[in-house]
């Protein structure tokens, strides 16, 4: 009976040793993954800083280009207002023509 119980205890010990090895392997894999994640985060931060620098350079370049622009005539400064005036003029033209035509037709009767 002692040999059976000793054999059972030895089996349990072997099983626990295997579990410990598996857990150590799992831990090692998790450390590798954590290290990779930290590297990716560092890389992302470096990329973000580089993007910020490039954006600042572009802003400075745009400011420089704007300072080189030729001044615009006073009536062309607001293109939206100019387009609005053009649209209003186009809308009014048919009404003016219709009025003239309407008066002409009335005089004929």
PDB file of N, CA and C in Angstrom:
ATOM      1  N   UNK A   1       0.816  -1.184   0.000  1.00  0.00           N
ATOM      2  CA  UNK A   1       0.000   0.000   0.000  1.00  0.00           C
ATOM      3  C   UNK A   1       0.865   1.255   0.000  1.00  0.00           C
ATOM      4  N   UNK A   2       2.017   1.154   0.701  1.00  0.00           N
ATOM      5  CA  UNK A   2       2.908   2.296   0.733  1.00  0.00           C
ATOM      6  C   UNK A   2       3.448   2.602  -0.653  1.00  0.00           C
ATOM      7  N   UNK A   3       3.768   1.562  -1.420  1.00  0.00           N
ATOM      8  CA  UNK A   3       4.306   1.792  -2.755  1.00  0.00           C
ATOM      9  C   UNK A   3       3.267   2.434  -3.665  1.00  0.00           C
ATOM     10  N   UNK A   4       1.998   2.098  -3.481  1.00  0.00           N
ATOM     11  CA  UNK A   4       0.941   2.708  -4.279  1.00  0.00           C
ATOM     12  C   UNK A   4       0.764   4.163  -3.913  1.00  0.00           C
ATOM     13  N   UNK A   5       0.776   4.454  -2.632  1.00  0.00           N
ATOM     14  CA  UNK A   5       0.616   5.845  -2.219  1.00  0.00           C
ATOM     15  C   UNK A   5       1.842   6.664  -2.601  1.00  0.00           C
ATOM     16  N   UNK A   6       3.035   6.041  -2.508  1.00  0.00           N
ATOM     17  CA  UNK A   6       4.252   6.742  -2.938  1.00  0.00           C
ATOM     18  C   UNK A   6       4.219   7.005  -4.440  1.00  0.00           C
ATOM     19  N   UNK A   7       3.742   6.036  -5.176  1.00  0.00           N
ATOM     20  CA  UNK A   7       3.634   6.186  -6.626  1.00  0.00           C
ATOM     21  C   UNK A   7       2.646   7.296  -6.975  1.00  0.00           C
ATOM     22  N   UNK A   8       1.535   7.344  -6.247  1.00  0.00           N
ATOM     23  CA  UNK A   8       0.536   8.397  -6.481  1.00  0.00           C
ATOM     24  C   UNK A   8       1.084   9.771  -6.165  1.00  0.00           C
ATOM     25  N   UNK A   9       1.851   9.862  -5.075  1.00  0.00           N
ATOM     26  CA  UNK A   9       2.448  11.141  -4.677  1.00  0.00           C
ATOM     27  C   UNK A   9       3.482  11.574  -5.714  1.00  0.00           C
ATOM     28  N   UNK A  10       4.265  10.616  -6.202  1.00  0.00           N
ATOM     29  CA  UNK A  10       5.267  10.940  -7.226  1.00  0.00           C
ATOM     30  C   UNK A  10       4.604  11.424  -8.522  1.00  0.00           C
ATOM     31  N   UNK A  11       3.484  10.803  -8.865  1.00  0.00           N
ATOM     32  CA  UNK A  11       2.742  11.237 -10.056  1.00  0.00           C
ATOM     33  C   UNK A  11       2.243  12.669  -9.886  1.00  0.00           C
ATOM     34  N   UNK A  12       1.739  12.957  -8.699  1.00  0.00           N
ATOM     35  CA  UNK A  12       1.247  14.314  -8.418  1.00  0.00           C
ATOM     36  C   UNK A  12       2.386  15.320  -8.506  1.00  0.00           C
ATOM     37  N   UNK A  13       3.537  14.943  -7.948  1.00  0.00           N
ATOM     38  CA  UNK A  13       4.699  15.840  -7.978  1.00  0.00           C
ATOM     39  C   UNK A  13       5.141  16.086  -9.425  1.00  0.00           C
ATOM     40  N   UNK A  14       5.183  15.048 -10.237  1.00  0.00           N
ATOM     41  CA  UNK A  14       5.564  15.199 -11.653  1.00  0.00           C
ATOM     42  C   UNK A  14       4.569  16.108 -12.391  1.00  0.00           C
ATOM     43  N   UNK A  15       3.282  15.895 -12.119  1.00  0.00           N
ATOM     44  CA  UNK A  15       2.243  16.715 -12.751  1.00  0.00           C
ATOM     45  C   UNK A  15       2.419  18.187 -12.363  1.00  0.00           C
ATOM     46  N   UNK A  16       2.702  18.443 -11.090  1.00  0.00           N
ATOM     47  CA  UNK A  16       2.890  19.817 -10.622  1.00  0.00           C
ATOM     48  C   UNK A  16       4.149  20.437 -11.224  1.00  0.00           C
ATOM     49  N   UNK A  17       5.203  19.638 -11.404  1.00  0.00           N
ATOM     50  CA  UNK A  17       6.411  20.146 -12.052  1.00  0.00           C
ATOM     51  C   UNK A  17       6.113  20.577 -13.495  1.00  0.00           C
ATOM     52  N   UNK A  18       5.314  19.784 -14.199  1.00  0.00           N
ATOM     53  CA  UNK A  18       4.933  20.127 -15.573  1.00  0.00           C
ATOM     54  C   UNK A  18       4.105  21.416 -15.597  1.00  0.00           C
ATOM     55  N   UNK A  19       3.210  21.543 -14.628  1.00  0.00           N
ATOM     56  CA  UNK A  19       2.405  22.768 -14.544  1.00  0.00           C
ATOM     57  C   UNK A  19       3.298  23.981 -14.299  1.00  0.00           C
ATOM     58  N   UNK A  20       4.289  23.826 -13.441  1.00  0.00           N
ATOM     59  CA  UNK A  20       5.217  24.926 -13.148  1.00  0.00           C
ATOM     60  C   UNK A  20       5.972  25.321 -14.418  1.00  0.00           C
ATOM     61  N   UNK A  21       6.425  24.331 -15.188  1.00  0.00           N
ATOM     62  CA  UNK A  21       7.130  24.623 -16.441  1.00  0.00           C
ATOM     63  C   UNK A  21       6.213  25.367 -17.416  1.00  0.00           C
ATOM     64  N   UNK A  22       4.966  24.898 -17.525  1.00  0.00           N
ATOM     65  CA  UNK A  22       4.005  25.560 -18.415  1.00  0.00           C
ATOM     66  C   UNK A  22       3.769  27.005 -17.981  1.00  0.00           C
ATOM     67  N   UNK A  23       3.629  27.206 -16.677  1.00  0.00           N
ATOM     68  CA  UNK A  23       3.411  28.561 -16.169  1.00  0.00           C
ATOM     69  C   UNK A  23       4.622  29.455 -16.421  1.00  0.00           C
ATOM     70  N   UNK A  24       5.818  28.891 -16.286  1.00  0.00           N
ATOM     71  CA  UNK A  24       7.026  29.668 -16.565  1.00  0.00           C
ATOM     72  C   UNK A  24       7.097  30.044 -18.048  1.00  0.00           C
ATOM     73  N   UNK A  25       6.735  29.110 -18.909  1.00  0.00           N
ATOM     74  CA  UNK A  25       6.707  29.405 -20.350  1.00  0.00           C
ATOM     75  C   UNK A  25       5.678  30.487 -20.665  1.00  0.00           C
ATOM     76  N   UNK A  26       4.520  30.378 -20.030  1.00  0.00           N
ATOM     77  CA  UNK A  26       3.473  31.380 -20.230  1.00  0.00           C
ATOM     78  C   UNK A  26       3.949  32.749 -19.762  1.00  0.00           C
ATOM     79  N   UNK A  27       4.609  32.776 -18.612  1.00  0.00           N
ATOM     80  CA  UNK A  27       5.141  34.032 -18.068  1.00  0.00           C
ATOM     81  C   UNK A  27       6.166  34.631 -19.027  1.00  0.00           C
ATOM     82  N   UNK A  28       7.062  33.787 -19.550  1.00  0.00           N
ATOM     83  CA  UNK A  28       8.075  34.273 -20.491  1.00  0.00           C
ATOM     84  C   UNK A  28       7.427  34.868 -21.750  1.00  0.00           C
ATOM     85  N   UNK A  29       6.407  34.197 -22.256  1.00  0.00           N
ATOM     86  CA  UNK A  29       5.689  34.705 -23.433  1.00  0.00           C
ATOM     87  C   UNK A  29       5.026  36.052 -23.134  1.00  0.00           C
ATOM     88  N   UNK A  30       4.437  36.165 -21.954  1.00  0.00           N
ATOM     89  CA  UNK A  30       3.785  37.420 -21.584  1.00  0.00           C
ATOM     90  C   UNK A  30       4.801  38.548 -21.451  1.00  0.00           C
ATOM     91  N   UNK A  31       5.983  38.251 -20.928  1.00  0.00           N
ATOM     92  CA  UNK A  31       7.032  39.269 -20.840  1.00  0.00           C
ATOM     93  C   UNK A  31       7.476  39.711 -22.235  1.00  0.00           C
ATOM     94  N   UNK A  32       7.584  38.749 -23.160  1.00  0.00           N
ATOM     95  CA  UNK A  32       7.942  39.098 -24.537  1.00  0.00           C
ATOM     96  C   UNK A  32       6.873  39.999 -25.158  1.00  0.00           C
ATOM     97  N   UNK A  33       5.609  39.642 -24.945  1.00  0.00           N
ATOM     98  CA  UNK A  33       4.514  40.446 -25.482  1.00  0.00           C
ATOM     99  C   UNK A  33       4.518  41.844 -24.872  1.00  0.00           C
ATOM    100  N   UNK A  34       4.765  41.923 -23.575  1.00  0.00           N
ATOM    101  CA  UNK A  34       4.819  43.215 -22.900  1.00  0.00           C
ATOM    102  C   UNK A  34       5.958  44.065 -23.457  1.00  0.00           C
ATOM    103  N   UNK A  35       7.084  43.442 -23.683  1.00  0.00           N
ATOM    104  CA  UNK A  35       8.230  44.154 -24.247  1.00  0.00           C
ATOM    105  C   UNK A  35       7.904  44.669 -25.653  1.00  0.00           C
ATOM    106  N   UNK A  36       7.254  43.827 -26.446  1.00  0.00           N
ATOM    107  CA  UNK A  36       6.848  44.248 -27.794  1.00  0.00           C
ATOM    108  C   UNK A  36       5.866  45.410 -27.736  1.00  0.00           C
ATOM    109  N   UNK A  37       4.928  45.350 -26.812  1.00  0.00           N
ATOM    110  CA  UNK A  37       3.949  46.436 -26.656  1.00  0.00           C
ATOM    111  C   UNK A  37       4.642  47.737 -26.274  1.00  0.00           C
ATOM    112  N   UNK A  38       5.601  47.657 -25.365  1.00  0.00           N
ATOM    113  CA  UNK A  38       6.330  48.859 -24.958  1.00  0.00           C
ATOM    114  C   UNK A  38       7.117  49.434 -26.127  1.00  0.00           C
ATOM    115  N   UNK A  39       7.721  48.561 -26.931  1.00  0.00           N
ATOM    116  CA  UNK A  39       8.440  49.029 -28.114  1.00  0.00           C
ATOM    117  C   UNK A  39       7.499  49.723 -29.094  1.00  0.00           C
ATOM    118  N   UNK A  40       6.316  49.140 -29.285  1.00  0.00           N
ATOM    119  CA  UNK A  40       5.338  49.751 -30.188  1.00  0.00           C
ATOM    120  C   UNK A  40       4.866  51.104 -29.664  1.00  0.00           C
ATOM    121  N   UNK A  41       4.643  51.196 -28.368  1.00  0.00           N
ATOM    122  CA  UNK A  41       4.226  52.473 -27.785  1.00  0.00           C
ATOM    123  C   UNK A  41       5.317  53.530 -27.931  1.00  0.00           C
ATOM    124  N   UNK A  42       6.559  53.130 -27.700  1.00  0.00           N
ATOM    125  CA  UNK A  42       7.672  54.063 -27.886  1.00  0.00           C
ATOM    126  C   UNK A  42       7.752  54.531 -29.335  1.00  0.00           C
ATOM    127  N   UNK A  43       7.585  53.582 -30.244  1.00  0.00           N
ATOM    128  CA  UNK A  43       7.624  53.918 -31.667  1.00  0.00           C
ATOM    129  C   UNK A  43       6.485  54.872 -32.020  1.00  0.00           C
ATOM    130  N   UNK A  44       5.303  54.626 -31.464  1.00  0.00           N
ATOM    131  CA  UNK A  44       4.151  55.486 -31.726  1.00  0.00           C
ATOM    132  C   UNK A  44       4.398  56.891 -31.189  1.00  0.00           C
ATOM    133  N   UNK A  45       4.987  56.994 -30.015  1.00  0.00           N
ATOM    134  CA  UNK A  45       5.277  58.310 -29.446  1.00  0.00           C
ATOM    135  C   UNK A  45       6.304  59.057 -30.290  1.00  0.00           C
ATOM    136  N   UNK A  46       7.331  58.350 -30.748  1.00  0.00           N
ATOM    137  CA  UNK A  46       8.325  58.987 -31.615  1.00  0.00           C
ATOM    138  C   UNK A  46       7.677  59.472 -32.907  1.00  0.00           C
ATOM    139  N   UNK A  47       6.788  58.650 -33.465  1.00  0.00           N
ATOM    140  CA  UNK A  47       6.096  59.018 -34.702  1.00  0.00           C
ATOM    141  C   UNK A  47       5.201  60.228 -34.472  1.00  0.00           C
ATOM    142  N   UNK A  48       4.523  60.276 -33.338  1.00  0.00           N
ATOM    143  CA  UNK A  48       3.653  61.416 -33.027  1.00  0.00           C
ATOM    144  C   UNK A  48       4.472  62.699 -32.900  1.00  0.00           C
ATOM    145  N   UNK A  49       5.626  62.622 -32.254  1.00  0.00           N
ATOM    146  CA  UNK A  49       6.489  63.804 -32.142  1.00  0.00           C
ATOM    147  C   UNK A  49       6.993  64.246 -33.510  1.00  0.00           C
ATOM    148  N   UNK A  50       7.340  63.274 -34.330  1.00  0.00           N
ATOM    149  CA  UNK A  50       7.817  63.599 -35.671  1.00  0.00           C
ATOM    150  C   UNK A  50       6.689  64.245 -36.489  1.00  0.00           C
ATOM    151  N   UNK A  51       5.482  63.710 -36.383  1.00  0.00           N
ATOM    152  CA  UNK A  51       4.331  64.288 -37.084  1.00  0.00           C
ATOM    153  C   UNK A  51       4.073  65.715 -36.620  1.00  0.00           C
ATOM    154  N   UNK A  52       4.214  65.941 -35.321  1.00  0.00           N
ATOM    155  CA  UNK A  52       3.994  67.279 -34.781  1.00  0.00           C
ATOM    156  C   UNK A  52       5.017  68.257 -35.347  1.00  0.00           C
ATOM    157  N   UNK A  53       6.278  67.824 -35.435  1.00  0.00           N
ATOM    158  CA  UNK A  53       7.319  68.684 -35.995  1.00  0.00           C
ATOM    159  C   UNK A  53       7.031  69.001 -37.460  1.00  0.00           C
ATOM    160  N   UNK A  54       6.631  67.986 -38.220  1.00  0.00           N
ATOM    161  CA  UNK A  54       6.322  68.195 -39.638  1.00  0.00           C
ATOM    162  C   UNK A  54       5.146  69.150 -39.787  1.00  0.00           C
ATOM    163  N   UNK A  55       4.136  68.996 -38.942  1.00  0.00           N
ATOM    164  CA  UNK A  55       2.977  69.884 -38.994  1.00  0.00           C
ATOM    165  C   UNK A  55       3.391  71.323 -38.719  1.00  0.00           C
ATOM    166  N   UNK A  56       4.242  71.525 -37.732  1.00  0.00           N
ATOM    167  CA  UNK A  56       4.724  72.877 -37.426  1.00  0.00           C
ATOM    168  C   UNK A  56       5.511  73.447 -38.605  1.00  0.00           C
ATOM    169  N   UNK A  57       6.327  72.608 -39.254  1.00  0.00           N
ATOM    170  CA  UNK A  57       7.077  73.066 -40.426  1.00  0.00           C
ATOM    171  C   UNK A  57       6.126  73.484 -41.542  1.00  0.00           C
ATOM    172  N   UNK A  58       5.075  72.695 -41.767  1.00  0.00           N
ATOM    173  CA  UNK A  58       4.096  73.035 -42.801  1.00  0.00           C
ATOM    174  C   UNK A  58       3.393  74.344 -42.472  1.00  0.00           C
ATOM    175  N   UNK A  59       3.041  74.525 -41.207  1.00  0.00           N
ATOM    176  CA  UNK A  59       2.377  75.771 -40.807  1.00  0.00           C
ATOM    177  C   UNK A  59       3.274  76.964 -41.085  1.00  0.00           C
ATOM    178  N   UNK A  60       4.561  76.841 -40.755  1.00  0.00           N
ATOM    179  CA  UNK A  60       5.503  77.933 -41.006  1.00  0.00           C
ATOM    180  C   UNK A  60       5.645  78.180 -42.505  1.00  0.00           C
ATOM    181  N   UNK A  61       5.677  77.105 -43.277  1.00  0.00           N
ATOM    182  CA  UNK A  61       5.798  77.249 -44.728  1.00  0.00           C
ATOM    183  C   UNK A  61       4.563  77.935 -45.305  1.00  0.00           C
ATOM    184  N   UNK A  62       3.397  77.577 -44.797  1.00  0.00           N
ATOM    185  CA  UNK A  62       2.155  78.200 -45.270  1.00  0.00           C
ATOM    186  C   UNK A  62       2.148  79.680 -44.920  1.00  0.00           C
ATOM    187  N   UNK A  63       2.594  80.015 -43.706  1.00  0.00           N
ATOM    188  CA  UNK A  63       2.669  81.426 -43.322  1.00  0.00           C
ATOM    189  C   UNK A  63       3.590  82.180 -44.265  1.00  0.00           C
ATOM    190  N   UNK A  64       4.716  81.566 -44.604  1.00  0.00           N
ATOM    191  CA  UNK A  64       5.655  82.191 -45.526  1.00  0.00           C
ATOM    192  C   UNK A  64       5.037  82.395 -46.898  1.00  0.00           C
ATOM    193  N   UNK A  65       4.297  81.409 -47.365  1.00  0.00           N
ATOM    194  CA  UNK A  65       3.650  81.531 -48.674  1.00  0.00           C
ATOM    195  C   UNK A  65       2.554  82.587 -48.655  1.00  0.00           C
ATOM    196  N   UNK A  66       1.811  82.662 -47.560  1.00  0.00           N
ATOM    197  CA  UNK A  66       0.759  83.678 -47.460  1.00  0.00           C
ATOM    198  C   UNK A  66       1.352  85.077 -47.473  1.00  0.00           C
ATOM    199  N   UNK A  67       2.525  85.237 -46.876  1.00  0.00           N
ATOM    200  CA  UNK A  67       3.146  86.563 -46.859  1.00  0.00           C
ATOM    201  C   UNK A  67       3.619  86.965 -48.252  1.00  0.00           C
ATOM    202  N   UNK A  68       3.826  85.992 -49.127  1.00  0.00           N
ATOM    203  CA  UNK A  68       4.259  86.285 -50.492  1.00  0.00           C
ATOM    204  C   UNK A  68       3.094  86.554 -51.438  1.00  0.00           C
ATOM    205  N   UNK A  69       1.874  86.305 -50.989  1.00  0.00           N
ATOM    206  CA  UNK A  69       0.703  86.472 -51.863  1.00  0.00           C
ATOM    207  C   UNK A  69       0.544  87.922 -52.284  1.00  0.00           C
ATOM    208  N   UNK A  70       0.058  88.111 -53.520  1.00  0.00           N
ATOM    209  CA  UNK A  70      -0.210  89.446 -54.046  1.00  0.00           C
ATOM    210  C   UNK A  70      -1.495  89.951 -53.403  1.00  0.00           C
ATOM    211  N   UNK A  71      -1.508  91.207 -52.965  1.00  0.00           N
ATOM    212  CA  UNK A  71      -2.744  91.731 -52.379  1.00  0.00           C
ATOM    213  C   UNK A  71      -3.877  91.722 -53.408  1.00  0.00           C
ATOM    214  N   UNK A  72      -5.049  91.434 -52.944  1.00  0.00           N
ATOM    215  CA  UNK A  72      -6.216  91.315 -53.808  1.00  0.00           C
ATOM    216  C   UNK A  72      -6.950  92.644 -53.841  1.00  0.00           C
ATOM    217  N   UNK A  73      -7.581  92.920 -54.986  1.00  0.00           N
ATOM    218  CA  UNK A  73      -8.370  94.154 -55.083  1.00  0.00           C
ATOM    219  C   UNK A  73      -9.491  94.121 -54.052  1.00  0.00           C
ATOM    220  N   UNK A  74      -9.945  95.289 -53.689  1.00  0.00           N
ATOM    221  CA  UNK A  74     -10.945  95.416 -52.621  1.00  0.00           C
ATOM    222  C   UNK A  74     -12.233  94.672 -52.965  1.00  0.00           C
ATOM    223  N   UNK A  75     -12.686  94.741 -54.216  1.00  0.00           N
ATOM    224  CA  UNK A  75     -13.949  94.099 -54.590  1.00  0.00           C
ATOM    225  C   UNK A  75     -13.809  92.580 -54.735  1.00  0.00           C
ATOM    226  N   UNK A  76     -12.591  92.052 -54.758  1.00  0.00           N
ATOM    227  CA  UNK A  76     -12.395  90.610 -54.887  1.00  0.00           C
ATOM    228  C   UNK A  76     -12.037  89.948 -53.560  1.00  0.00           C
ATOM    229  N   UNK A  77     -12.022  90.688 -52.479  1.00  0.00           N
ATOM    230  CA  UNK A  77     -11.590  90.130 -51.200  1.00  0.00           C
ATOM    231  C   UNK A  77     -12.545  89.068 -50.678  1.00  0.00           C
ATOM    232  N   UNK A  78     -13.825  89.264 -50.890  1.00  0.00           N
ATOM    233  CA  UNK A  78     -14.800  88.315 -50.369  1.00  0.00           C
ATOM    234  C   UNK A  78     -15.429  87.559 -51.540  1.00  0.00           C
ATOM    235  N   UNK A  79     -14.869  86.419 -51.935  1.00  0.00           N
ATOM    236  CA  UNK A  79     -15.387  85.706 -53.100  1.00  0.00           C
ATOM    237  C   UNK A  79     -16.808  85.193 -52.892  1.00  0.00           C
ATOM    238  N   UNK A  80     -17.173  84.896 -51.668  1.00  0.00           N
ATOM    239  CA  UNK A  80     -18.532  84.403 -51.410  1.00  0.00           C
ATOM    240  C   UNK A  80     -19.545  85.514 -51.663  1.00  0.00           C
ATOM    241  N   UNK A  81     -19.231  86.710 -51.196  1.00  0.00           N
ATOM    242  CA  UNK A  81     -20.133  87.837 -51.432  1.00  0.00           C
ATOM    243  C   UNK A  81     -20.221  88.126 -52.921  1.00  0.00           C
ATOM    244  N   UNK A  82     -19.088  88.032 -53.634  1.00  0.00           N
ATOM    245  CA  UNK A  82     -19.085  88.274 -55.074  1.00  0.00           C
ATOM    246  C   UNK A  82     -19.929  87.219 -55.786  1.00  0.00           C
ATOM    247  N   UNK A  83     -19.804  85.967 -55.393  1.00  0.00           N
ATOM    248  CA  UNK A  83     -20.611  84.917 -56.000  1.00  0.00           C
ATOM    249  C   UNK A  83     -22.085  85.156 -55.719  1.00  0.00           C
ATOM    250  N   UNK A  84     -22.392  85.584 -54.516  1.00  0.00           N
ATOM    251  CA  UNK A  84     -23.779  85.864 -54.160  1.00  0.00           C
ATOM    252  C   UNK A  84     -24.339  86.976 -55.036  1.00  0.00           C
ATOM    253  N   UNK A  85     -23.536  88.027 -55.259  1.00  0.00           N
ATOM    254  CA  UNK A  85     -23.981  89.120 -56.129  1.00  0.00           C
ATOM    255  C   UNK A  85     -24.198  88.621 -57.548  1.00  0.00           C
ATOM    256  N   UNK A  86     -23.276  87.794 -58.038  1.00  0.00           N
ATOM    257  CA  UNK A  86     -23.407  87.250 -59.385  1.00  0.00           C
ATOM    258  C   UNK A  86     -24.675  86.413 -59.510  1.00  0.00           C
ATOM    259  N   UNK A  87     -24.954  85.591 -58.517  1.00  0.00           N
ATOM    260  CA  UNK A  87     -26.156  84.755 -58.544  1.00  0.00           C
ATOM    261  C   UNK A  87     -27.406  85.626 -58.519  1.00  0.00           C
ATOM    262  N   UNK A  88     -27.408  86.654 -57.672  1.00  0.00           N
ATOM    263  CA  UNK A  88     -28.555  87.559 -57.616  1.00  0.00           C
ATOM    264  C   UNK A  88     -28.762  88.247 -58.958  1.00  0.00           C
ATOM    265  N   UNK A  89     -27.688  88.692 -59.593  1.00  0.00           N
ATOM    266  CA  UNK A  89     -27.796  89.344 -60.899  1.00  0.00           C
ATOM    267  C   UNK A  89     -28.358  88.389 -61.936  1.00  0.00           C
ATOM    268  N   UNK A  90     -27.909  87.140 -61.917  1.00  0.00           N
ATOM    269  CA  UNK A  90     -28.407  86.153 -62.876  1.00  0.00           C
ATOM    270  C   UNK A  90     -29.885  85.876 -62.629  1.00  0.00           C
ATOM    271  N   UNK A  91     -30.297  85.831 -61.375  1.00  0.00           N
ATOM    272  CA  UNK A  91     -31.705  85.587 -61.057  1.00  0.00           C
ATOM    273  C   UNK A  91     -32.582  86.755 -61.495  1.00  0.00           C
ATOM    274  N   UNK A  92     -32.069  87.968 -61.397  1.00  0.00           N
ATOM    275  CA  UNK A  92     -32.866  89.145 -61.739  1.00  0.00           C
ATOM    276  C   UNK A  92     -32.982  89.351 -63.241  1.00  0.00           C
ATOM    277  N   UNK A  93     -32.029  88.890 -64.018  1.00  0.00           N
ATOM    278  CA  UNK A  93     -32.054  89.104 -65.460  1.00  0.00           C
ATOM    279  C   UNK A  93     -33.323  88.568 -66.116  1.00  0.00           C
ATOM    280  N   UNK A  94     -33.756  87.341 -65.850  1.00  0.00           N
ATOM    281  CA  UNK A  94     -34.990  86.866 -66.501  1.00  0.00           C
ATOM    282  C   UNK A  94     -36.214  87.702 -66.104  1.00  0.00           C
ATOM    283  N   UNK A  95     -36.258  88.179 -64.865  1.00  0.00           N
ATOM    284  CA  UNK A  95     -37.394  88.992 -64.443  1.00  0.00           C
ATOM    285  C   UNK A  95     -37.429  90.302 -65.219  1.00  0.00           C
ATOM    286  N   UNK A  96     -36.289  90.895 -65.422  1.00  0.00           N
ATOM    287  CA  UNK A  96     -36.240  92.140 -66.181  1.00  0.00           C
ATOM    288  C   UNK A  96     -36.699  91.899 -67.607  1.00  0.00           C
ATOM    289  N   UNK A  97     -36.231  90.818 -68.213  1.00  0.00           N
ATOM    290  CA  UNK A  97     -36.625  90.505 -69.588  1.00  0.00           C
ATOM    291  C   UNK A  97     -38.115  90.194 -69.652  1.00  0.00           C
ATOM    292  N   UNK A  98     -38.610  89.448 -68.671  1.00  0.00           N
ATOM    293  CA  UNK A  98     -40.028  89.108 -68.662  1.00  0.00           C
ATOM    294  C   UNK A  98     -40.881  90.361 -68.537  1.00  0.00           C
ATOM    295  N   UNK A  99     -40.446  91.292 -67.729  1.00  0.00           N
ATOM    296  CA  UNK A  99     -41.223  92.516 -67.579  1.00  0.00           C
ATOM    297  C   UNK A  99     -41.278  93.270 -68.897  1.00  0.00           C
ATOM    298  N   UNK A 100     -40.139  93.367 -69.562  1.00  0.00           N
ATOM    299  CA  UNK A 100     -40.125  94.065 -70.846  1.00  0.00           C
ATOM    300  C   UNK A 100     -41.008  93.339 -71.848  1.00  0.00           C
ATOM    301  N   UNK A 101     -40.912  92.047 -71.887  1.00  0.00           N
ATOM    302  CA  UNK A 101     -41.707  91.274 -72.819  1.00  0.00           C
ATOM    303  C   UNK A 101     -43.193  91.385 -72.469  1.00  0.00           C
ATOM    304  N   UNK A 102     -43.502  91.368 -71.196  1.00  0.00           N
ATOM    305  CA  UNK A 102     -44.887  91.448 -70.767  1.00  0.00           C
ATOM    306  C   UNK A 102     -45.488  92.780 -71.188  1.00  0.00           C
ATOM    307  N   UNK A 103     -44.741  93.848 -70.992  1.00  0.00           N
ATOM    308  CA  UNK A 103     -45.242  95.159 -71.401  1.00  0.00           C
ATOM    309  C   UNK A 103     -45.401  95.230 -72.912  1.00  0.00           C
ATOM    310  N   UNK A 104     -44.516  94.610 -73.636  1.00  0.00           N
ATOM    311  CA  UNK A 104     -44.619  94.623 -75.084  1.00  0.00           C
ATOM    312  C   UNK A 104     -45.872  93.877 -75.518  1.00  0.00           C
ATOM    313  N   UNK A 105     -46.150  92.745 -74.893  1.00  0.00           N
ATOM    314  CA  UNK A 105     -47.329  91.961 -75.235  1.00  0.00           C
ATOM    315  C   UNK A 105     -48.607  92.693 -74.887  1.00  0.00           C
ATOM    316  N   UNK A 106     -48.606  93.458 -73.844  1.00  0.00           N
ATOM    317  CA  UNK A 106     -49.797  94.203 -73.439  1.00  0.00           C
ATOM    318  C   UNK A 106     -50.103  95.323 -74.418  1.00  0.00           C
ATOM    319  N   UNK A 107     -49.069  95.944 -74.907  1.00  0.00           N
ATOM    320  CA  UNK A 107     -49.274  97.053 -75.831  1.00  0.00           C
ATOM    321  C   UNK A 107     -49.807  96.575 -77.168  1.00  0.00           C
ATOM    322  N   UNK A 108     -49.562  95.347 -77.540  1.00  0.00           N
ATOM    323  CA  UNK A 108     -50.007  94.828 -78.826  1.00  0.00           C
ATOM    324  C   UNK A 108     -51.502  94.607 -78.807  1.00  0.00           C
ATOM    325  N   UNK A 109     -52.064  94.203 -77.699  1.00  0.00           N
ATOM    326  CA  UNK A 109     -53.500  93.902 -77.647  1.00  0.00           C
ATOM    327  C   UNK A 109     -54.253  95.100 -77.951  1.00  0.00           C
TER     328      UNK A 109
END
